[in-house]
All heavy atoms as atom14 arrays in JSON, in Angstrom:
{
  "sequence": "LSIDHPEDMRASFETLGLGPDDVDLIVVSDAQEILGIGDWGVNGSDIA",
  "atom14_mask": [
    [1, 1, 1, 1, 1, 1, 1, 1, 0, 0, 0, 0, 0, 0],
    [1, 1, 1, 1, 1, 1, 0, 0, 0, 0, 0, 0, 0, 0],
    [1, 1, 1, 1, 1, 1, 1, 1, 0, 0, 0, 0, 0, 0],
    [1, 1, 1, 1, 1, 1, 1, 1, 0, 0, 0, 0, 0, 0],
    [1, 1, 1, 1, 1, 1, 1, 1, 1, 1, 0, 0, 0, 0],
    [1, 1, 1, 1, 1, 1, 1, 0, 0, 0, 0, 0, 0, 0],
    [1, 1, 1, 1, 1, 1, 1, 1, 1, 0, 0, 0, 0, 0],
    [1, 1, 1, 1, 1, 1, 1, 1, 0, 0, 0, 0, 0, 0],
    [1, 1, 1, 1, 1, 1, 1, 1, 0, 0, 0, 0, 0, 0],
    [1, 1, 1, 1, 1, 1, 1, 1, 1, 1, 1, 0, 0, 0],
    [1, 1, 1, 1, 1, 0, 0, 0, 0, 0, 0, 0, 0, 0],
    [1, 1, 1, 1, 1, 1, 0, 0, 0, 0, 0, 0, 0, 0],
    [1, 1, 1, 1, 1, 1, 1, 1, 1, 1, 1, 0, 0, 0],
    [1, 1, 1, 1, 1, 1, 1, 1, 1, 0, 0, 0, 0, 0],
    [1, 1, 1, 1, 1, 1, 1, 0, 0, 0, 0, 0, 0, 0],
    [1, 1, 1, 1, 1, 1, 1, 1, 0, 0, 0, 0, 0, 0],
    [1, 1, 1, 1, 0, 0, 0, 0, 0, 0, 0, 0, 0, 0],
    [1, 1, 1, 1, 1, 1, 1, 1, 0, 0, 0, 0, 0, 0],
    [1, 1, 1, 1, 0, 0, 0, 0, 0, 0, 0, 0, 0, 0],
    [1, 1, 1, 1, 1, 1, 1, 0, 0, 0, 0, 0, 0, 0],
    [1, 1, 1, 1, 1, 1, 1, 1, 0, 0, 0, 0, 0, 0],
    [1, 1, 1, 1, 1, 1, 1, 1, 0, 0, 0, 0, 0, 0],
    [1, 1, 1, 1, 1, 1, 1, 0, 0, 0, 0, 0, 0, 0],
    [1, 1, 1, 1, 1, 1, 1, 1, 0, 0, 0, 0, 0, 0],
    [1, 1, 1, 1, 1, 1, 1, 1, 0, 0, 0, 0, 0, 0],
    [1, 1, 1, 1, 1, 1, 1, 1, 0, 0, 0, 0, 0, 0],
    [1, 1, 1, 1, 1, 1, 1, 0, 0, 0, 0, 0, 0, 0],
    [1, 1, 1, 1, 1, 1, 1, 0, 0, 0, 0, 0, 0, 0],
    [1, 1, 1, 1, 1, 1, 0, 0, 0, 0, 0, 0, 0, 0],
    [1, 1, 1, 1, 1, 1, 1, 1, 0, 0, 0, 0, 0, 0],
    [1, 1, 1, 1, 1, 0, 0, 0, 0, 0, 0, 0, 0, 0],
    [1, 1, 1, 1, 1, 1, 1, 1, 1, 0, 0, 0, 0, 0],
    [1, 1, 1, 1, 1, 1, 1, 1, 1, 0, 0, 0, 0, 0],
    [1, 1, 1, 1, 1, 1, 1, 1, 0, 0, 0, 0, 0, 0],
    [1, 1, 1, 1, 1, 1, 1, 1, 0, 0, 0, 0, 0, 0],
    [1, 1, 1, 1, 0, 0, 0, 0, 0, 0, 0, 0, 0, 0],
    [1, 1, 1, 1, 1, 1, 1, 1, 0, 0, 0, 0, 0, 0],
    [1, 1, 1, 1, 0, 0, 0, 0, 0, 0, 0, 0, 0, 0],
    [1, 1, 1, 1, 1, 1, 1, 1, 0, 0, 0, 0, 0, 0],
    [1, 1, 1, 1, 1, 1, 1, 1, 1, 1, 1, 1, 1, 1],
    [1, 1, 1, 1, 0, 0, 0, 0, 0, 0, 0, 0, 0, 0],
    [1, 1, 1, 1, 1, 1, 1, 0, 0, 0, 0, 0, 0, 0],
    [1, 1, 1, 1, 1, 1, 1, 1, 0, 0, 0, 0, 0, 0],
    [1, 1, 1, 1, 0, 0, 0, 0, 0, 0, 0, 0, 0, 0],
    [1, 1, 1, 1, 1, 1, 0, 0, 0, 0, 0, 0, 0, 0],
    [1, 1, 1, 1, 1, 1, 1, 1, 0, 0, 0, 0, 0, 0],
    [1, 1, 1, 1, 1, 1, 1, 1, 0, 0, 0, 0, 0, 0],
    [1, 1, 1, 1, 1, 0, 0, 0, 0, 0, 0, 0, 0, 0]
  ],
  "atom14_positions": [
    [[23.15, 54.32, 14.14], [22.83, 55.59, 14.77], [21.48, 56.06, 14.23], [21.34, 56.31, 13.03], [23.92, 56.62, 14.49], [25.35, 56.2, 14.85], [26.34, 57.3, 14.48], [25.46, 55.85, 16.33], [0.0, 0.0, 0.0], [0.0, 0.0, 0.0], [0.0, 0.0, 0.0], [0.0, 0.0, 0.0], [0.0, 0.0, 0.0], [0.0, 0.0, 0.0]],
    [[20.51, 56.18, 15.11], [19.15, 56.51, 14.7], [18.87, 57.99, 14.92], [19.14, 58.53, 16.0], [18.13, 55.69, 15.49], [16.82, 56.16, 15.26], [0.0, 0.0, 0.0], [0.0, 0.0, 0.0], [0.0, 0.0, 0.0], [0.0, 0.0, 0.0], [0.0, 0.0, 0.0], [0.0, 0.0, 0.0], [0.0, 0.0, 0.0], [0.0, 0.0, 0.0]],
    [[18.3, 58.62, 13.88], [17.93, 60.02, 14.0], [16.8, 60.2, 15.01], [16.59, 61.28, 15.55], [17.53, 60.58, 12.62], [17.58, 62.12, 12.66], [16.16, 60.06, 12.18], [17.48, 62.76, 11.29], [0.0, 0.0, 0.0], [0.0, 0.0, 0.0], [0.0, 0.0, 0.0], [0.0, 0.0, 0.0], [0.0, 0.0, 0.0], [0.0, 0.0, 0.0]],
    [[16.09, 59.11, 15.32], [15.03, 59.18, 16.32], [15.58, 59.21, 17.74], [14.87, 59.58, 18.67], [14.1, 57.97, 16.18], [13.35, 57.95, 14.86], [13.4, 58.96, 14.14], [12.72, 56.93, 14.54], [0.0, 0.0, 0.0], [0.0, 0.0, 0.0], [0.0, 0.0, 0.0], [0.0, 0.0, 0.0], [0.0, 0.0, 0.0], [0.0, 0.0, 0.0]],
    [[16.85, 58.82, 17.89], [17.47, 58.8, 19.22], [18.89, 59.35, 19.15], [19.86, 58.64, 19.43], [17.47, 57.38, 19.79], [16.11, 56.8, 19.98], [15.29, 57.19, 21.02], [15.4, 55.9, 19.25], [14.14, 56.53, 20.93], [14.18, 55.75, 19.87], [0.0, 0.0, 0.0], [0.0, 0.0, 0.0], [0.0, 0.0, 0.0], [0.0, 0.0, 0.0]],
    [[19.03, 60.6, 18.78], [20.38, 61.17, 18.67], [21.13, 61.19, 19.99], [22.36, 61.23, 20.02], [20.11, 62.59, 18.15], [18.7, 62.89, 18.56], [17.98, 61.59, 18.47], [0.0, 0.0, 0.0], [0.0, 0.0, 0.0], [0.0, 0.0, 0.0], [0.0, 0.0, 0.0], [0.0, 0.0, 0.0], [0.0, 0.0, 0.0], [0.0, 0.0, 0.0]],
    [[20.38, 61.13, 21.09], [21.02, 61.13, 22.41], [21.84, 59.86, 22.65], [22.67, 59.81, 23.57], [19.98, 61.3, 23.51], [19.04, 60.1, 23.73], [17.89, 60.01, 22.75], [17.82, 60.86, 21.82], [17.05, 59.11, 22.91], [0.0, 0.0, 0.0], [0.0, 0.0, 0.0], [0.0, 0.0, 0.0], [0.0, 0.0, 0.0], [0.0, 0.0, 0.0]],
    [[21.61, 58.83, 21.84], [22.33, 57.56, 22.01], [23.63, 57.5, 21.21], [24.34, 56.49, 21.29], [21.44, 56.38, 21.56], [20.25, 56.15, 22.47], [20.27, 56.68, 23.6], [19.31, 55.46, 22.04], [0.0, 0.0, 0.0], [0.0, 0.0, 0.0], [0.0, 0.0, 0.0], [0.0, 0.0, 0.0], [0.0, 0.0, 0.0], [0.0, 0.0, 0.0]],
    [[23.95, 58.53, 20.47], [25.07, 58.44, 19.53], [26.4, 58.14, 20.21], [27.1, 57.19, 19.86], [25.18, 59.73, 18.71], [26.23, 59.64, 17.6], [26.31, 61.13, 16.58], [24.72, 61.12, 15.75], [0.0, 0.0, 0.0], [0.0, 0.0, 0.0], [0.0, 0.0, 0.0], [0.0, 0.0, 0.0], [0.0, 0.0, 0.0], [0.0, 0.0, 0.0]],
    [[26.76, 58.91, 21.21], [28.04, 58.69, 21.88], [28.08, 57.33, 22.56], [29.07, 56.6, 22.46], [28.32, 59.82, 22.88], [29.65, 59.67, 23.63], [29.93, 60.89, 24.49], [30.29, 62.04, 23.67], [31.55, 62.37, 23.36], [32.56, 61.65, 23.81], [31.78, 63.42, 22.62], [0.0, 0.0, 0.0], [0.0, 0.0, 0.0], [0.0, 0.0, 0.0]],
    [[27.0, 56.98, 23.22], [26.96, 55.68, 23.89], [27.08, 54.52, 22.91], [27.68, 53.49, 23.21], [25.66, 55.56, 24.7], [0.0, 0.0, 0.0], [0.0, 0.0, 0.0], [0.0, 0.0, 0.0], [0.0, 0.0, 0.0], [0.0, 0.0, 0.0], [0.0, 0.0, 0.0], [0.0, 0.0, 0.0], [0.0, 0.0, 0.0], [0.0, 0.0, 0.0]],
    [[26.53, 54.7, 21.71], [26.6, 53.65, 20.7], [28.06, 53.39, 20.31], [28.49, 52.24, 20.18], [25.8, 54.06, 19.47], [24.44, 54.23, 19.78], [0.0, 0.0, 0.0], [0.0, 0.0, 0.0], [0.0, 0.0, 0.0], [0.0, 0.0, 0.0], [0.0, 0.0, 0.0], [0.0, 0.0, 0.0], [0.0, 0.0, 0.0], [0.0, 0.0, 0.0]],
    [[28.82, 54.45, 20.13], [30.23, 54.28, 19.82], [31.0, 53.7, 21.01], [31.89, 52.85, 20.85], [30.86, 55.62, 19.43], [30.61, 56.03, 18.01], [29.95, 57.21, 17.72], [31.06, 55.25, 16.96], [29.72, 57.6, 16.4], [30.85, 55.62, 15.63], [30.18, 56.8, 15.36], [0.0, 0.0, 0.0], [0.0, 0.0, 0.0], [0.0, 0.0, 0.0]],
    [[30.66, 54.14, 22.19], [31.41, 53.71, 23.38], [31.24, 52.23, 23.68], [32.07, 51.63, 24.36], [31.0, 54.57, 24.58], [31.53, 56.01, 24.47], [31.02, 56.91, 25.58], [30.0, 56.53, 26.23], [31.61, 57.98, 25.8], [0.0, 0.0, 0.0], [0.0, 0.0, 0.0], [0.0, 0.0, 0.0], [0.0, 0.0, 0.0], [0.0, 0.0, 0.0]],
    [[30.17, 51.61, 23.17], [30.01, 50.16, 23.37], [31.13, 49.36, 22.71], [31.36, 48.21, 23.06], [28.67, 49.67, 22.81], [28.63, 49.89, 21.4], [27.5, 50.37, 23.47], [0.0, 0.0, 0.0], [0.0, 0.0, 0.0], [0.0, 0.0, 0.0], [0.0, 0.0, 0.0], [0.0, 0.0, 0.0], [0.0, 0.0, 0.0], [0.0, 0.0, 0.0]],
    [[31.83, 49.97, 21.76], [32.92, 49.28, 21.07], [34.16, 49.15, 21.94], [35.02, 48.3, 21.66], [33.29, 50.03, 19.78], [32.16, 50.18, 18.74], [32.62, 51.09, 17.61], [31.74, 48.82, 18.21], [0.0, 0.0, 0.0], [0.0, 0.0, 0.0], [0.0, 0.0, 0.0], [0.0, 0.0, 0.0], [0.0, 0.0, 0.0], [0.0, 0.0, 0.0]],
    [[34.26, 49.99, 22.95], [35.42, 49.92, 23.83], [36.72, 50.38, 23.19], [37.8, 49.96, 23.6], [0.0, 0.0, 0.0], [0.0, 0.0, 0.0], [0.0, 0.0, 0.0], [0.0, 0.0, 0.0], [0.0, 0.0, 0.0], [0.0, 0.0, 0.0], [0.0, 0.0, 0.0], [0.0, 0.0, 0.0], [0.0, 0.0, 0.0], [0.0, 0.0, 0.0]],
    [[36.62, 51.24, 22.19], [37.8, 51.72, 21.48], [38.17, 53.12, 21.96], [37.3, 53.98, 22.11], [37.54, 51.74, 19.97], [37.28, 50.37, 19.33], [36.81, 50.54, 17.89], [38.54, 49.51, 19.38], [0.0, 0.0, 0.0], [0.0, 0.0, 0.0], [0.0, 0.0, 0.0], [0.0, 0.0, 0.0], [0.0, 0.0, 0.0], [0.0, 0.0, 0.0]],
    [[39.46, 53.35, 22.17], [39.93, 54.63, 22.65], [40.27, 55.58, 21.52], [40.17, 55.24, 20.34], [0.0, 0.0, 0.0], [0.0, 0.0, 0.0], [0.0, 0.0, 0.0], [0.0, 0.0, 0.0], [0.0, 0.0, 0.0], [0.0, 0.0, 0.0], [0.0, 0.0, 0.0], [0.0, 0.0, 0.0], [0.0, 0.0, 0.0], [0.0, 0.0, 0.0]],
    [[40.69, 56.79, 21.84], [40.95, 57.82, 20.83], [42.06, 57.48, 19.85], [42.09, 58.01, 18.74], [41.29, 59.06, 21.67], [41.68, 58.53, 23.02], [40.88, 57.3, 23.22], [0.0, 0.0, 0.0], [0.0, 0.0, 0.0], [0.0, 0.0, 0.0], [0.0, 0.0, 0.0], [0.0, 0.0, 0.0], [0.0, 0.0, 0.0], [0.0, 0.0, 0.0]],
    [[42.98, 56.61, 20.25], [44.08, 56.23, 19.37], [43.88, 54.87, 18.72], [44.81, 54.33, 18.11], [45.4, 56.22, 20.16], [45.75, 57.59, 20.71], [45.5, 58.59, 20.02], [46.28, 57.65, 21.84], [0.0, 0.0, 0.0], [0.0, 0.0, 0.0], [0.0, 0.0, 0.0], [0.0, 0.0, 0.0], [0.0, 0.0, 0.0], [0.0, 0.0, 0.0]],
    [[42.67, 54.32, 18.82], [42.43, 52.95, 18.35], [41.74, 52.86, 17.0], [41.5, 51.75, 16.51], [41.56, 52.2, 19.38], [42.27, 52.0, 20.7], [43.52, 52.03, 20.72], [41.56, 51.82, 21.72], [0.0, 0.0, 0.0], [0.0, 0.0, 0.0], [0.0, 0.0, 0.0], [0.0, 0.0, 0.0], [0.0, 0.0, 0.0], [0.0, 0.0, 0.0]],
    [[41.4, 53.98, 16.37], [40.61, 53.94, 15.14], [41.28, 54.78, 14.06], [41.61, 55.95, 14.27], [39.18, 54.46, 15.38], [38.36, 54.43, 14.08], [38.49, 53.63, 16.45], [0.0, 0.0, 0.0], [0.0, 0.0, 0.0], [0.0, 0.0, 0.0], [0.0, 0.0, 0.0], [0.0, 0.0, 0.0], [0.0, 0.0, 0.0], [0.0, 0.0, 0.0]],
    [[41.49, 54.16, 12.9], [42.08, 54.85, 11.75], [41.05, 55.28, 10.71], [41.3, 56.22, 9.96], [43.1, 53.93, 11.05], [44.3, 53.61, 11.91], [44.73, 54.48, 12.68], [44.81, 52.47, 11.82], [0.0, 0.0, 0.0], [0.0, 0.0, 0.0], [0.0, 0.0, 0.0], [0.0, 0.0, 0.0], [0.0, 0.0, 0.0], [0.0, 0.0, 0.0]],
    [[39.92, 54.58, 10.66], [39.0, 54.79, 9.55], [37.57, 54.46, 9.96], [37.32, 53.42, 10.58], [39.42, 53.9, 8.37], [38.51, 53.84, 7.15], [38.42, 55.2, 6.47], [39.04, 52.79, 6.17], [0.0, 0.0, 0.0], [0.0, 0.0, 0.0], [0.0, 0.0, 0.0], [0.0, 0.0, 0.0], [0.0, 0.0, 0.0], [0.0, 0.0, 0.0]],
    [[36.63, 55.33, 9.6], [35.2, 55.07, 9.8], [34.51, 55.3, 8.46], [34.67, 56.36, 7.84], [34.59, 56.01, 10.85], [35.32, 55.9, 12.19], [33.1, 55.69, 11.04], [34.85, 56.89, 13.24], [0.0, 0.0, 0.0], [0.0, 0.0, 0.0], [0.0, 0.0, 0.0], [0.0, 0.0, 0.0], [0.0, 0.0, 0.0], [0.0, 0.0, 0.0]],
    [[33.77, 54.31, 7.98], [32.96, 54.48, 6.78], [31.5, 54.6, 7.21], [30.98, 53.74, 7.92], [33.13, 53.3, 5.8], [32.17, 53.46, 4.62], [34.57, 53.23, 5.29], [0.0, 0.0, 0.0], [0.0, 0.0, 0.0], [0.0, 0.0, 0.0], [0.0, 0.0, 0.0], [0.0, 0.0, 0.0], [0.0, 0.0, 0.0], [0.0, 0.0, 0.0]],
    [[30.84, 55.67, 6.78], [29.47, 55.93, 7.17], [28.61, 56.09, 5.93], [29.05, 56.62, 4.9], [29.37, 57.21, 8.04], [29.82, 58.43, 7.27], [27.95, 57.41, 8.57], [0.0, 0.0, 0.0], [0.0, 0.0, 0.0], [0.0, 0.0, 0.0], [0.0, 0.0, 0.0], [0.0, 0.0, 0.0], [0.0, 0.0, 0.0], [0.0, 0.0, 0.0]],
    [[27.36, 55.61, 6.0], [26.41, 55.79, 4.92], [25.01, 56.0, 5.49], [24.66, 55.4, 6.5], [26.4, 54.57, 3.99], [25.46, 54.74, 2.94], [0.0, 0.0, 0.0], [0.0, 0.0, 0.0], [0.0, 0.0, 0.0], [0.0, 0.0, 0.0], [0.0, 0.0, 0.0], [0.0, 0.0, 0.0], [0.0, 0.0, 0.0], [0.0, 0.0, 0.0]],
    [[24.23, 56.84, 4.82], [22.81, 56.92, 5.16], [22.0, 56.16, 4.11], [20.77, 56.17, 4.15], [22.34, 58.36, 5.32], [22.23, 59.12, 3.99], [22.65, 58.58, 2.95], [21.74, 60.26, 4.0], [0.0, 0.0, 0.0], [0.0, 0.0, 0.0], [0.0, 0.0, 0.0], [0.0, 0.0, 0.0], [0.0, 0.0, 0.0], [0.0, 0.0, 0.0]],
    [[22.69, 55.52, 3.16], [22.11, 54.57, 2.2], [21.01, 55.17, 1.33], [20.09, 54.48, 0.93], [21.59, 53.33, 2.93], [0.0, 0.0, 0.0], [0.0, 0.0, 0.0], [0.0, 0.0, 0.0], [0.0, 0.0, 0.0], [0.0, 0.0, 0.0], [0.0, 0.0, 0.0], [0.0, 0.0, 0.0], [0.0, 0.0, 0.0], [0.0, 0.0, 0.0]],
    [[21.13, 56.45, 1.03], [20.1, 57.08, 0.19], [20.29, 56.75, -1.29], [19.33, 56.68, -2.05], [20.1, 58.59, 0.37], [18.96, 59.28, -0.39], [18.86, 60.76, -0.11], [19.7, 61.33, 0.56], [17.82, 61.4, -0.62], [0.0, 0.0, 0.0], [0.0, 0.0, 0.0], [0.0, 0.0, 0.0], [0.0, 0.0, 0.0], [0.0, 0.0, 0.0]],
    [[21.53, 56.53, -1.68], [21.81, 56.3, -3.11], [22.81, 55.16, -3.24], [23.98, 55.36, -3.54], [22.36, 57.59, -3.74], [22.33, 57.59, -5.26], [20.94, 57.48, -5.85], [20.02, 58.16, -5.34], [20.78, 56.7, -6.8], [0.0, 0.0, 0.0], [0.0, 0.0, 0.0], [0.0, 0.0, 0.0], [0.0, 0.0, 0.0], [0.0, 0.0, 0.0]],
    [[22.33, 53.94, -3.03], [23.19, 52.76, -3.02], [23.49, 52.28, -4.44], [22.61, 51.81, -5.15], [22.54, 51.6, -2.23], [22.4, 51.96, -0.75], [23.31, 50.32, -2.4], [23.67, 51.95, 0.03], [0.0, 0.0, 0.0], [0.0, 0.0, 0.0], [0.0, 0.0, 0.0], [0.0, 0.0, 0.0], [0.0, 0.0, 0.0], [0.0, 0.0, 0.0]],
    [[24.71, 52.44, -4.9], [25.21, 51.78, -6.11], [24.24, 51.82, -7.29], [24.1, 50.85, -8.03], [25.54, 50.31, -5.8], [26.61, 50.05, -4.75], [26.69, 48.58, -4.44], [27.95, 50.58, -5.21], [0.0, 0.0, 0.0], [0.0, 0.0, 0.0], [0.0, 0.0, 0.0], [0.0, 0.0, 0.0], [0.0, 0.0, 0.0], [0.0, 0.0, 0.0]],
    [[23.53, 52.9, -7.46], [22.6, 52.98, -8.57], [21.27, 52.28, -8.35], [20.4, 52.31, -9.21], [0.0, 0.0, 0.0], [0.0, 0.0, 0.0], [0.0, 0.0, 0.0], [0.0, 0.0, 0.0], [0.0, 0.0, 0.0], [0.0, 0.0, 0.0], [0.0, 0.0, 0.0], [0.0, 0.0, 0.0], [0.0, 0.0, 0.0], [0.0, 0.0, 0.0]],
    [[21.08, 51.64, -7.16], [19.8, 50.97, -6.9], [18.92, 51.79, -5.96], [17.83, 51.37, -5.6], [20.0, 49.54, -6.35], [20.73, 49.56, -4.99], [20.74, 48.68, -7.34], [20.8, 48.19, -4.32], [0.0, 0.0, 0.0], [0.0, 0.0, 0.0], [0.0, 0.0, 0.0], [0.0, 0.0, 0.0], [0.0, 0.0, 0.0], [0.0, 0.0, 0.0]],
    [[19.42, 52.95, -5.53], [18.57, 53.87, -4.8], [18.61, 53.76, -3.29], [19.6, 53.34, -2.7], [0.0, 0.0, 0.0], [0.0, 0.0, 0.0], [0.0, 0.0, 0.0], [0.0, 0.0, 0.0], [0.0, 0.0, 0.0], [0.0, 0.0, 0.0], [0.0, 0.0, 0.0], [0.0, 0.0, 0.0], [0.0, 0.0, 0.0], [0.0, 0.0, 0.0]],
    [[17.5, 54.11, -2.68], [17.35, 54.25, -1.23], [17.01, 52.9, -0.6], [15.95, 52.34, -0.84], [16.24, 55.27, -0.98], [15.93, 55.49, 0.49], [16.54, 54.82, 1.35], [15.07, 56.35, 0.79], [0.0, 0.0, 0.0], [0.0, 0.0, 0.0], [0.0, 0.0, 0.0], [0.0, 0.0, 0.0], [0.0, 0.0, 0.0], [0.0, 0.0, 0.0]],
    [[17.93, 52.42, 0.28], [17.67, 51.13, 0.95], [17.8, 51.21, 2.45], [17.95, 50.2, 3.13], [18.57, 50.04, 0.35], [18.02, 49.63, -0.98], [18.3, 50.18, -2.2], [17.0, 48.66, -1.22], [17.53, 49.61, -3.18], [16.73, 48.67, -2.6], [16.3, 47.78, -0.4], [15.77, 47.83, -3.18], [15.35, 46.95, -0.98], [15.09, 46.98, -2.35]],
    [[17.72, 52.42, 3.0], [17.62, 52.59, 4.44], [18.65, 51.79, 5.21], [19.82, 51.71, 4.84], [0.0, 0.0, 0.0], [0.0, 0.0, 0.0], [0.0, 0.0, 0.0], [0.0, 0.0, 0.0], [0.0, 0.0, 0.0], [0.0, 0.0, 0.0], [0.0, 0.0, 0.0], [0.0, 0.0, 0.0], [0.0, 0.0, 0.0], [0.0, 0.0, 0.0]],
    [[18.2, 51.17, 6.3], [19.11, 50.43, 7.16], [19.68, 49.2, 6.45], [20.73, 48.69, 6.82], [18.4, 50.06, 8.48], [17.49, 48.85, 8.3], [19.41, 49.8, 9.6], [0.0, 0.0, 0.0], [0.0, 0.0, 0.0], [0.0, 0.0, 0.0], [0.0, 0.0, 0.0], [0.0, 0.0, 0.0], [0.0, 0.0, 0.0], [0.0, 0.0, 0.0]],
    [[19.0, 48.71, 5.42], [19.53, 47.6, 4.65], [20.9, 47.93, 4.07], [21.72, 47.04, 3.83], [18.59, 47.25, 3.48], [17.4, 46.42, 3.9], [16.96, 46.51, 5.05], [16.87, 45.63, 3.0], [0.0, 0.0, 0.0], [0.0, 0.0, 0.0], [0.0, 0.0, 0.0], [0.0, 0.0, 0.0], [0.0, 0.0, 0.0], [0.0, 0.0, 0.0]],
    [[21.15, 49.21, 3.85], [22.41, 49.62, 3.24], [23.6, 49.61, 4.16], [24.69, 50.02, 3.75], [0.0, 0.0, 0.0], [0.0, 0.0, 0.0], [0.0, 0.0, 0.0], [0.0, 0.0, 0.0], [0.0, 0.0, 0.0], [0.0, 0.0, 0.0], [0.0, 0.0, 0.0], [0.0, 0.0, 0.0], [0.0, 0.0, 0.0], [0.0, 0.0, 0.0]],
    [[23.44, 49.13, 5.39], [24.57, 49.15, 6.32], [25.75, 48.33, 5.82], [26.91, 48.64, 6.09], [24.14, 48.64, 7.7], [23.69, 47.3, 7.62], [0.0, 0.0, 0.0], [0.0, 0.0, 0.0], [0.0, 0.0, 0.0], [0.0, 0.0, 0.0], [0.0, 0.0, 0.0], [0.0, 0.0, 0.0], [0.0, 0.0, 0.0], [0.0, 0.0, 0.0]],
    [[25.46, 47.29, 5.04], [26.56, 46.45, 4.55], [27.42, 47.15, 3.51], [28.5, 46.66, 3.18], [26.01, 45.14, 3.98], [25.87, 44.07, 5.04], [26.08, 44.38, 6.23], [25.54, 42.91, 4.69], [0.0, 0.0, 0.0], [0.0, 0.0, 0.0], [0.0, 0.0, 0.0], [0.0, 0.0, 0.0], [0.0, 0.0, 0.0], [0.0, 0.0, 0.0]],
    [[26.97, 48.29, 2.99], [27.8, 49.02, 2.05], [29.04, 49.55, 2.76], [30.14, 49.57, 2.2], [27.0, 50.17, 1.37], [27.62, 50.48, 0.01], [26.94, 51.42, 2.2], [27.41, 49.43, -1.04], [0.0, 0.0, 0.0], [0.0, 0.0, 0.0], [0.0, 0.0, 0.0], [0.0, 0.0, 0.0], [0.0, 0.0, 0.0], [0.0, 0.0, 0.0]],
    [[28.88, 49.97, 4.01], [30.03, 50.44, 4.78], [30.94, 49.28, 5.15], [32.17, 49.39, 5.12], [29.56, 51.18, 6.03], [0.0, 0.0, 0.0], [0.0, 0.0, 0.0], [0.0, 0.0, 0.0], [0.0, 0.0, 0.0], [0.0, 0.0, 0.0], [0.0, 0.0, 0.0], [0.0, 0.0, 0.0], [0.0, 0.0, 0.0], [0.0, 0.0, 0.0]]
  ]
}
């Protein structure tokens, strides 16, 4: 989810094809403070 294109947020989720009863857990990170190694931007996606 890009802050440069917030209008894409809902569509980004909808590409998964998951309904309201299909998800138990979402882990989100903006990767500013990764495990003591600091800011790693989009590289930090694997932390989630």
